[in-house]
Full PDB file with SEQRES, HELIX, SHEET, SSBOND, CRYST1, ORIGX, SCALE, CONECT and MASTER records, all heavy atoms in Angstrom:
SEQRES   1 A   34  VAL GLU PRO ILE ASP GLY PRO MET CYS ARG ALA PHE GLY          
SEQRES   2 A   34  ILE THR GLY THR PRO VAL VAL VAL THR LEU ASP GLY ARG          
SEQRES   3 A   34  ARG ILE THR HIS ALA GLY HIS PRO                              
HELIX    1 AA1 PRO A    7  PHE A   12  1                                   6    
SHEET    1 AA1 2 VAL A  20  ASP A  24  0                                        
SHEET    2 AA1 2 ARG A  27  GLY A  32 -1                                        
CRYST1    1.000    1.000    1.000  90.00  90.00  90.00 P 1           1          
ORIGX1      1.000000  0.000000  0.000000        0.00000                         
ORIGX2      0.000000  1.000000  0.000000        0.00000                         
ORIGX3      0.000000  0.000000  1.000000        0.00000                         
SCALE1      1.000000  0.000000  0.000000        0.00000                         
SCALE2      0.000000  1.000000  0.000000        0.00000                         
SCALE3      0.000000  0.000000  1.000000        0.00000                         
ATOM      1  N   VAL A   1    -188.079  65.105 -16.117  1.00  0.00           N  
ATOM      2  CA  VAL A   1    -189.054  65.888 -16.874  1.00  0.00           C  
ATOM      3  C   VAL A   1    -188.289  67.039 -17.512  1.00  0.00           C  
ATOM      4  O   VAL A   1    -187.597  67.784 -16.826  1.00  0.00           O  
ATOM      5  CB  VAL A   1    -190.186  66.426 -15.972  1.00  0.00           C  
ATOM      6  CG1 VAL A   1    -191.129  67.319 -16.762  1.00  0.00           C  
ATOM      7  CG2 VAL A   1    -190.947  65.279 -15.324  1.00  0.00           C  
ATOM      8  N   GLU A   2    -188.384  67.135 -18.847  1.00  0.00           N  
ATOM      9  CA  GLU A   2    -187.695  68.212 -19.564  1.00  0.00           C  
ATOM     10  C   GLU A   2    -188.415  68.486 -20.874  1.00  0.00           C  
ATOM     11  O   GLU A   2    -189.164  67.647 -21.362  1.00  0.00           O  
ATOM     12  CB  GLU A   2    -186.230  67.860 -19.810  1.00  0.00           C  
ATOM     13  CG  GLU A   2    -185.995  66.755 -20.814  1.00  0.00           C  
ATOM     14  CD  GLU A   2    -184.506  66.535 -21.116  1.00  0.00           C  
ATOM     15  OE1 GLU A   2    -183.656  66.829 -20.267  1.00  0.00           O  
ATOM     16  OE2 GLU A   2    -184.225  66.060 -22.221  1.00  0.00           O  
ATOM     17  N   PRO A   3    -188.156  69.656 -21.473  1.00  0.00           N  
ATOM     18  CA  PRO A   3    -188.737  69.954 -22.792  1.00  0.00           C  
ATOM     19  C   PRO A   3    -187.992  69.201 -23.893  1.00  0.00           C  
ATOM     20  O   PRO A   3    -186.910  68.650 -23.658  1.00  0.00           O  
ATOM     21  CB  PRO A   3    -188.560  71.469 -22.930  1.00  0.00           C  
ATOM     22  CG  PRO A   3    -187.418  71.803 -22.029  1.00  0.00           C  
ATOM     23  CD  PRO A   3    -187.444  70.799 -20.912  1.00  0.00           C  
ATOM     24  N   ILE A   4    -188.532  69.198 -25.102  1.00  0.00           N  
ATOM     25  CA  ILE A   4    -187.936  68.478 -26.232  1.00  0.00           C  
ATOM     26  C   ILE A   4    -186.525  68.983 -26.538  1.00  0.00           C  
ATOM     27  O   ILE A   4    -185.717  68.255 -27.090  1.00  0.00           O  
ATOM     28  CB  ILE A   4    -188.836  68.540 -27.494  1.00  0.00           C  
ATOM     29  CG1 ILE A   4    -188.319  67.624 -28.602  1.00  0.00           C  
ATOM     30  CG2 ILE A   4    -188.945  69.961 -28.006  1.00  0.00           C  
ATOM     31  CD1 ILE A   4    -188.557  66.173 -28.400  1.00  0.00           C  
ATOM     32  N   ASP A   5    -186.188  70.188 -26.134  1.00  0.00           N  
ATOM     33  CA  ASP A   5    -184.837  70.696 -26.354  1.00  0.00           C  
ATOM     34  C   ASP A   5    -183.975  70.621 -25.092  1.00  0.00           C  
ATOM     35  O   ASP A   5    -182.940  71.268 -24.990  1.00  0.00           O  
ATOM     36  CB  ASP A   5    -184.876  72.128 -26.890  1.00  0.00           C  
ATOM     37  CG  ASP A   5    -185.521  73.107 -25.922  1.00  0.00           C  
ATOM     38  OD1 ASP A   5    -186.142  72.668 -24.925  1.00  0.00           O  
ATOM     39  OD2 ASP A   5    -185.413  74.328 -26.151  1.00  0.00           O  
ATOM     40  N   GLY A   6    -184.394  69.786 -24.141  1.00  0.00           N  
ATOM     41  CA  GLY A   6    -183.668  69.632 -22.887  1.00  0.00           C  
ATOM     42  C   GLY A   6    -182.360  68.865 -23.046  1.00  0.00           C  
ATOM     43  O   GLY A   6    -182.068  68.304 -24.112  1.00  0.00           O  
ATOM     44  N   PRO A   7    -181.566  68.809 -21.992  1.00  0.00           N  
ATOM     45  CA  PRO A   7    -180.237  68.193 -22.046  1.00  0.00           C  
ATOM     46  C   PRO A   7    -180.228  66.725 -22.480  1.00  0.00           C  
ATOM     47  O   PRO A   7    -179.372  66.327 -23.270  1.00  0.00           O  
ATOM     48  CB  PRO A   7    -179.704  68.335 -20.620  1.00  0.00           C  
ATOM     49  CG  PRO A   7    -180.529  69.387 -19.972  1.00  0.00           C  
ATOM     50  CD  PRO A   7    -181.837  69.399 -20.676  1.00  0.00           C  
ATOM     51  N   MET A   8    -181.154  65.919 -21.983  1.00  0.00           N  
ATOM     52  CA  MET A   8    -181.155  64.504 -22.378  1.00  0.00           C  
ATOM     53  C   MET A   8    -181.612  64.347 -23.817  1.00  0.00           C  
ATOM     54  O   MET A   8    -181.062  63.540 -24.562  1.00  0.00           O  
ATOM     55  CB  MET A   8    -181.998  63.644 -21.425  1.00  0.00           C  
ATOM     56  CG  MET A   8    -181.322  63.469 -20.083  1.00  0.00           C  
ATOM     57  SD  MET A   8    -182.068  62.183 -19.065  1.00  0.00           S  
ATOM     58  CE  MET A   8    -181.570  60.696 -19.928  1.00  0.00           C  
ATOM     59  N   CYS A   9    -182.618  65.119 -24.220  1.00  0.00           N  
ATOM     60  CA  CYS A   9    -183.074  65.045 -25.610  1.00  0.00           C  
ATOM     61  C   CYS A   9    -181.946  65.419 -26.563  1.00  0.00           C  
ATOM     62  O   CYS A   9    -181.747  64.758 -27.589  1.00  0.00           O  
ATOM     63  CB  CYS A   9    -184.281  65.948 -25.825  1.00  0.00           C  
ATOM     64  SG  CYS A   9    -185.801  65.291 -25.102  1.00  0.00           S  
ATOM     65  N   ARG A  10    -181.191  66.450 -26.227  1.00  0.00           N  
ATOM     66  CA  ARG A  10    -180.053  66.840 -27.075  1.00  0.00           C  
ATOM     67  C   ARG A  10    -178.999  65.738 -27.089  1.00  0.00           C  
ATOM     68  O   ARG A  10    -178.458  65.405 -28.146  1.00  0.00           O  
ATOM     69  CB  ARG A  10    -179.458  68.163 -26.596  1.00  0.00           C  
ATOM     70  CG  ARG A  10    -180.327  69.368 -26.906  1.00  0.00           C  
ATOM     71  CD  ARG A  10    -179.601  70.684 -26.683  1.00  0.00           C  
ATOM     72  NE  ARG A  10    -178.950  70.780 -25.379  1.00  0.00           N  
ATOM     73  CZ  ARG A  10    -179.500  71.270 -24.284  1.00  0.00           C  
ATOM     74  NH1 ARG A  10    -180.754  71.716 -24.311  1.00  0.00           N  
ATOM     75  NH2 ARG A  10    -178.828  71.348 -23.162  1.00  0.00           N  
ATOM     76  N   ALA A  11    -178.700  65.164 -25.931  1.00  0.00           N  
ATOM     77  CA  ALA A  11    -177.664  64.121 -25.835  1.00  0.00           C  
ATOM     78  C   ALA A  11    -178.022  62.886 -26.653  1.00  0.00           C  
ATOM     79  O   ALA A  11    -177.146  62.207 -27.191  1.00  0.00           O  
ATOM     80  CB  ALA A  11    -177.429  63.740 -24.374  1.00  0.00           C  
ATOM     81  N   PHE A  12    -179.319  62.583 -26.756  1.00  0.00           N  
ATOM     82  CA  PHE A  12    -179.784  61.393 -27.476  1.00  0.00           C  
ATOM     83  C   PHE A  12    -180.275  61.719 -28.884  1.00  0.00           C  
ATOM     84  O   PHE A  12    -180.702  60.838 -29.608  1.00  0.00           O  
ATOM     85  CB  PHE A  12    -180.900  60.706 -26.691  1.00  0.00           C  
ATOM     86  CG  PHE A  12    -180.420  59.916 -25.503  1.00  0.00           C  
ATOM     87  CD1 PHE A  12    -180.108  60.540 -24.308  1.00  0.00           C  
ATOM     88  CD2 PHE A  12    -180.270  58.540 -25.585  1.00  0.00           C  
ATOM     89  CE1 PHE A  12    -179.664  59.817 -23.212  1.00  0.00           C  
ATOM     90  CE2 PHE A  12    -179.825  57.800 -24.505  1.00  0.00           C  
ATOM     91  CZ  PHE A  12    -179.517  58.439 -23.315  1.00  0.00           C  
ATOM     92  N   GLY A  13    -180.266  62.990 -29.269  1.00  0.00           N  
ATOM     93  CA  GLY A  13    -180.723  63.381 -30.595  1.00  0.00           C  
ATOM     94  C   GLY A  13    -182.207  63.162 -30.799  1.00  0.00           C  
ATOM     95  O   GLY A  13    -182.647  62.853 -31.907  1.00  0.00           O  
ATOM     96  N   ILE A  14    -183.011  63.350 -29.766  1.00  0.00           N  
ATOM     97  CA  ILE A  14    -184.453  63.079 -29.833  1.00  0.00           C  
ATOM     98  C   ILE A  14    -185.164  64.177 -30.633  1.00  0.00           C  
ATOM     99  O   ILE A  14    -185.009  65.360 -30.354  1.00  0.00           O  
ATOM    100  CB  ILE A  14    -185.056  62.974 -28.421  1.00  0.00           C  
ATOM    101  CG1 ILE A  14    -184.411  61.820 -27.640  1.00  0.00           C  
ATOM    102  CG2 ILE A  14    -186.584  62.813 -28.483  1.00  0.00           C  
ATOM    103  CD1 ILE A  14    -184.577  60.453 -28.262  1.00  0.00           C  
ATOM    104  N   THR A  15    -185.951  63.738 -31.621  1.00  0.00           N  
ATOM    105  CA  THR A  15    -186.753  64.673 -32.412  1.00  0.00           C  
ATOM    106  C   THR A  15    -188.243  64.355 -32.337  1.00  0.00           C  
ATOM    107  O   THR A  15    -189.059  65.076 -32.907  1.00  0.00           O  
ATOM    108  CB  THR A  15    -186.318  64.655 -33.889  1.00  0.00           C  
ATOM    109  OG1 THR A  15    -186.509  63.344 -34.418  1.00  0.00           O  
ATOM    110  CG2 THR A  15    -184.863  65.089 -34.031  1.00  0.00           C  
ATOM    111  N   GLY A  16    -188.614  63.279 -31.663  1.00  0.00           N  
ATOM    112  CA  GLY A  16    -190.014  62.896 -31.524  1.00  0.00           C  
ATOM    113  C   GLY A  16    -190.125  61.754 -30.536  1.00  0.00           C  
ATOM    114  O   GLY A  16    -189.119  61.216 -30.069  1.00  0.00           O  
ATOM    115  N   THR A  17    -191.362  61.382 -30.216  1.00  0.00           N  
ATOM    116  CA  THR A  17    -191.611  60.302 -29.256  1.00  0.00           C  
ATOM    117  C   THR A  17    -192.754  59.427 -29.750  1.00  0.00           C  
ATOM    118  O   THR A  17    -193.516  59.861 -30.613  1.00  0.00           O  
ATOM    119  CB  THR A  17    -191.990  60.886 -27.872  1.00  0.00           C  
ATOM    120  OG1 THR A  17    -193.137  61.723 -28.010  1.00  0.00           O  
ATOM    121  CG2 THR A  17    -190.838  61.643 -27.252  1.00  0.00           C  
ATOM    122  N   PRO A  18    -192.893  58.218 -29.245  1.00  0.00           N  
ATOM    123  CA  PRO A  18    -192.079  57.566 -28.216  1.00  0.00           C  
ATOM    124  C   PRO A  18    -190.810  56.965 -28.814  1.00  0.00           C  
ATOM    125  O   PRO A  18    -190.801  56.554 -29.972  1.00  0.00           O  
ATOM    126  CB  PRO A  18    -193.000  56.464 -27.698  1.00  0.00           C  
ATOM    127  CG  PRO A  18    -193.831  56.088 -28.882  1.00  0.00           C  
ATOM    128  CD  PRO A  18    -194.041  57.390 -29.638  1.00  0.00           C  
ATOM    129  N   VAL A  19    -189.772  56.940 -28.014  1.00  0.00           N  
ATOM    130  CA  VAL A  19    -188.511  56.316 -28.395  1.00  0.00           C  
ATOM    131  C   VAL A  19    -187.976  55.578 -27.178  1.00  0.00           C  
ATOM    132  O   VAL A  19    -188.017  56.108 -26.067  1.00  0.00           O  
ATOM    133  CB  VAL A  19    -187.467  57.363 -28.847  1.00  0.00           C  
ATOM    134  CG1 VAL A  19    -186.118  56.706 -29.100  1.00  0.00           C  
ATOM    135  CG2 VAL A  19    -187.924  58.101 -30.089  1.00  0.00           C  
ATOM    136  N   VAL A  20    -187.475  54.378 -27.391  1.00  0.00           N  
ATOM    137  CA  VAL A  20    -186.771  53.639 -26.349  1.00  0.00           C  
ATOM    138  C   VAL A  20    -185.381  53.317 -26.885  1.00  0.00           C  
ATOM    139  O   VAL A  20    -185.243  52.795 -27.992  1.00  0.00           O  
ATOM    140  CB  VAL A  20    -187.518  52.349 -25.947  1.00  0.00           C  
ATOM    141  CG1 VAL A  20    -186.677  51.525 -24.976  1.00  0.00           C  
ATOM    142  CG2 VAL A  20    -188.862  52.696 -25.317  1.00  0.00           C  
ATOM    143  N   VAL A  21    -184.375  53.671 -26.093  1.00  0.00           N  
ATOM    144  CA  VAL A  21    -182.987  53.477 -26.470  1.00  0.00           C  
ATOM    145  C   VAL A  21    -182.327  52.594 -25.422  1.00  0.00           C  
ATOM    146  O   VAL A  21    -182.509  52.826 -24.226  1.00  0.00           O  
ATOM    147  CB  VAL A  21    -182.263  54.843 -26.542  1.00  0.00           C  
ATOM    148  CG1 VAL A  21    -180.785  54.664 -26.810  1.00  0.00           C  
ATOM    149  CG2 VAL A  21    -182.905  55.740 -27.583  1.00  0.00           C  
ATOM    150  N   THR A  22    -181.583  51.594 -25.864  1.00  0.00           N  
ATOM    151  CA  THR A  22    -180.777  50.817 -24.928  1.00  0.00           C  
ATOM    152  C   THR A  22    -179.319  51.161 -25.155  1.00  0.00           C  
ATOM    153  O   THR A  22    -178.890  51.409 -26.286  1.00  0.00           O  
ATOM    154  CB  THR A  22    -181.015  49.296 -25.060  1.00  0.00           C  
ATOM    155  OG1 THR A  22    -180.780  48.904 -26.410  1.00  0.00           O  
ATOM    156  CG2 THR A  22    -182.427  48.920 -24.669  1.00  0.00           C  
ATOM    157  N   LEU A  23    -178.594  51.207 -24.058  1.00  0.00           N  
ATOM    158  CA  LEU A  23    -177.192  51.599 -24.080  1.00  0.00           C  
ATOM    159  C   LEU A  23    -176.339  50.533 -23.416  1.00  0.00           C  
ATOM    160  O   LEU A  23    -176.796  49.825 -22.534  1.00  0.00           O  
ATOM    161  CB  LEU A  23    -176.983  52.887 -23.268  1.00  0.00           C  
ATOM    162  CG  LEU A  23    -177.795  54.119 -23.598  1.00  0.00           C  
ATOM    163  CD1 LEU A  23    -177.634  55.148 -22.493  1.00  0.00           C  
ATOM    164  CD2 LEU A  23    -177.356  54.686 -24.917  1.00  0.00           C  
ATOM    165  N   ASP A  24    -175.083  50.485 -23.824  1.00  0.00           N  
ATOM    166  CA  ASP A  24    -174.051  49.793 -23.075  1.00  0.00           C  
ATOM    167  C   ASP A  24    -173.005  50.861 -22.813  1.00  0.00           C  
ATOM    168  O   ASP A  24    -172.269  51.248 -23.727  1.00  0.00           O  
ATOM    169  CB  ASP A  24    -173.472  48.626 -23.870  1.00  0.00           C  
ATOM    170  CG  ASP A  24    -172.508  47.806 -23.030  1.00  0.00           C  
ATOM    171  OD1 ASP A  24    -172.347  48.111 -21.820  1.00  0.00           O  
ATOM    172  OD2 ASP A  24    -171.910  46.872 -23.571  1.00  0.00           O  
ATOM    173  N   GLY A  25    -173.006  51.396 -21.617  1.00  0.00           N  
ATOM    174  CA  GLY A  25    -172.207  52.583 -21.349  1.00  0.00           C  
ATOM    175  C   GLY A  25    -172.841  53.750 -22.060  1.00  0.00           C  
ATOM    176  O   GLY A  25    -174.021  54.014 -21.888  1.00  0.00           O  
ATOM    177  N   ARG A  26    -172.080  54.413 -22.932  1.00  0.00           N  
ATOM    178  CA  ARG A  26    -172.615  55.566 -23.666  1.00  0.00           C  
ATOM    179  C   ARG A  26    -172.960  55.221 -25.111  1.00  0.00           C  
ATOM    180  O   ARG A  26    -173.396  56.071 -25.865  1.00  0.00           O  
ATOM    181  CB  ARG A  26    -171.608  56.708 -23.617  1.00  0.00           C  
ATOM    182  CG  ARG A  26    -171.456  57.220 -22.178  1.00  0.00           C  
ATOM    183  CD  ARG A  26    -170.519  58.342 -22.099  1.00  0.00           C  
ATOM    184  NE  ARG A  26    -171.015  59.454 -22.894  1.00  0.00           N  
ATOM    185  CZ  ARG A  26    -170.729  60.706 -22.649  1.00  0.00           C  
ATOM    186  NH1 ARG A  26    -169.980  61.016 -21.632  1.00  0.00           N  
ATOM    187  NH2 ARG A  26    -171.181  61.662 -23.426  1.00  0.00           N  
ATOM    188  N   ARG A  27    -172.766  53.996 -25.513  1.00  0.00           N  
ATOM    189  CA  ARG A  27    -173.031  53.577 -26.896  1.00  0.00           C  
ATOM    190  C   ARG A  27    -174.444  53.022 -27.016  1.00  0.00           C  
ATOM    191  O   ARG A  27    -174.867  52.155 -26.249  1.00  0.00           O  
ATOM    192  CB  ARG A  27    -172.021  52.516 -27.317  1.00  0.00           C  
ATOM    193  CG  ARG A  27    -172.350  51.914 -28.657  1.00  0.00           C  
ATOM    194  CD  ARG A  27    -171.339  51.955 -29.729  1.00  0.00           C  
ATOM    195  NE  ARG A  27    -170.445  53.075 -29.735  1.00  0.00           N  
ATOM    196  CZ  ARG A  27    -169.175  52.997 -30.106  1.00  0.00           C  
ATOM    197  NH1 ARG A  27    -168.661  51.862 -30.487  1.00  0.00           N  
ATOM    198  NH2 ARG A  27    -168.420  54.068 -30.095  1.00  0.00           N  
ATOM    199  N   ILE A  28    -175.176  53.487 -28.026  1.00  0.00           N  
ATOM    200  CA  ILE A  28    -176.534  53.005 -28.279  1.00  0.00           C  
ATOM    201  C   ILE A  28    -176.450  51.621 -28.920  1.00  0.00           C  
ATOM    202  O   ILE A  28    -175.810  51.444 -29.954  1.00  0.00           O  
ATOM    203  CB  ILE A  28    -177.306  53.981 -29.181  1.00  0.00           C  
ATOM    204  CG1 ILE A  28    -177.510  55.314 -28.448  1.00  0.00           C  
ATOM    205  CG2 ILE A  28    -178.640  53.383 -29.621  1.00  0.00           C  
ATOM    206  CD1 ILE A  28    -178.152  56.396 -29.293  1.00  0.00           C  
ATOM    207  N   THR A  29    -177.096  50.649 -28.280  1.00  0.00           N  
ATOM    208  CA  THR A  29    -177.126  49.293 -28.824  1.00  0.00           C  
ATOM    209  C   THR A  29    -178.449  48.989 -29.524  1.00  0.00           C  
ATOM    210  O   THR A  29    -178.537  48.036 -30.286  1.00  0.00           O  
ATOM    211  CB  THR A  29    -176.881  48.247 -27.720  1.00  0.00           C  
ATOM    212  OG1 THR A  29    -177.863  48.408 -26.688  1.00  0.00           O  
ATOM    213  CG2 THR A  29    -175.489  48.401 -27.128  1.00  0.00           C  
ATOM    214  N   HIS A  30    -179.473  49.806 -29.251  1.00  0.00           N  
ATOM    215  CA  HIS A  30    -180.769  49.643 -29.917  1.00  0.00           C  
ATOM    216  C   HIS A  30    -181.537  50.956 -29.772  1.00  0.00           C  
ATOM    217  O   HIS A  30    -181.601  51.522 -28.689  1.00  0.00           O  
ATOM    218  CB  HIS A  30    -181.576  48.509 -29.276  1.00  0.00           C  
ATOM    219  CG  HIS A  30    -182.963  48.402 -29.812  1.00  0.00           C  
ATOM    220  ND1 HIS A  30    -183.253  47.765 -30.989  1.00  0.00           N  
ATOM    221  CD2 HIS A  30    -184.137  48.875 -29.343  1.00  0.00           C  
ATOM    222  CE1 HIS A  30    -184.560  47.836 -31.213  1.00  0.00           C  
ATOM    223  NE2 HIS A  30    -185.111  48.510 -30.239  1.00  0.00           N  
ATOM    224  N   ALA A  31    -182.105  51.430 -30.858  1.00  0.00           N  
ATOM    225  CA  ALA A  31    -182.971  52.607 -30.830  1.00  0.00           C  
ATOM    226  C   ALA A  31    -184.236  52.244 -31.580  1.00  0.00           C  
ATOM    227  O   ALA A  31    -184.166  51.769 -32.709  1.00  0.00           O  
ATOM    228  CB  ALA A  31    -182.287  53.808 -31.487  1.00  0.00           C  
ATOM    229  N   GLY A  32    -185.388  52.419 -30.937  1.00  0.00           N  
ATOM    230  CA  GLY A  32    -186.616  51.992 -31.584  1.00  0.00           C  
ATOM    231  C   GLY A  32    -187.811  52.863 -31.315  1.00  0.00           C  
ATOM    232  O   GLY A  32    -187.889  53.562 -30.321  1.00  0.00           O  
ATOM    233  N   HIS A  33    -188.748  52.792 -32.267  1.00  0.00           N  
ATOM    234  CA  HIS A  33    -190.040  53.474 -32.168  1.00  0.00           C  
ATOM    235  C   HIS A  33    -191.032  52.656 -32.959  1.00  0.00           C  
ATOM    236  O   HIS A  33    -190.738  52.316 -34.110  1.00  0.00           O  
ATOM    237  CB  HIS A  33    -189.954  54.881 -32.765  1.00  0.00           C  
ATOM    238  CG  HIS A  33    -191.307  55.458 -33.075  1.00  0.00           C  
ATOM    239  ND1 HIS A  33    -192.116  55.958 -32.101  1.00  0.00           N  
ATOM    240  CD2 HIS A  33    -191.985  55.586 -34.231  1.00  0.00           C  
ATOM    241  CE1 HIS A  33    -193.234  56.391 -32.658  1.00  0.00           C  
ATOM    242  NE2 HIS A  33    -193.185  56.171 -33.946  1.00  0.00           N  
ATOM    243  N   PRO A  34    -192.138  52.279 -32.442  1.00  0.00           N  
ATOM    244  CA  PRO A  34    -192.494  52.424 -31.034  1.00  0.00           C  
ATOM    245  C   PRO A  34    -191.812  51.347 -30.201  1.00  0.00           C  
ATOM    246  O   PRO A  34    -191.060  50.544 -30.729  1.00  0.00           O  
ATOM    247  CB  PRO A  34    -194.016  52.232 -31.054  1.00  0.00           C  
ATOM    248  CG  PRO A  34    -194.246  51.308 -32.189  1.00  0.00           C  
ATOM    249  CD  PRO A  34    -193.199  51.662 -33.225  1.00  0.00           C  
TER     250      PRO A  34                                                      
MASTER        0    0    0    1    2    0    0    6  249    1    0    3          
END                                                                             
């Protein structure tokens, strides 16, 4: 649980929701909404 400017949101570049991101390690393999 964090605010929109929290550490994970910053790490993933989140500017809105809902978003689902899949990773392989640290690389994004899919980013989608909804």
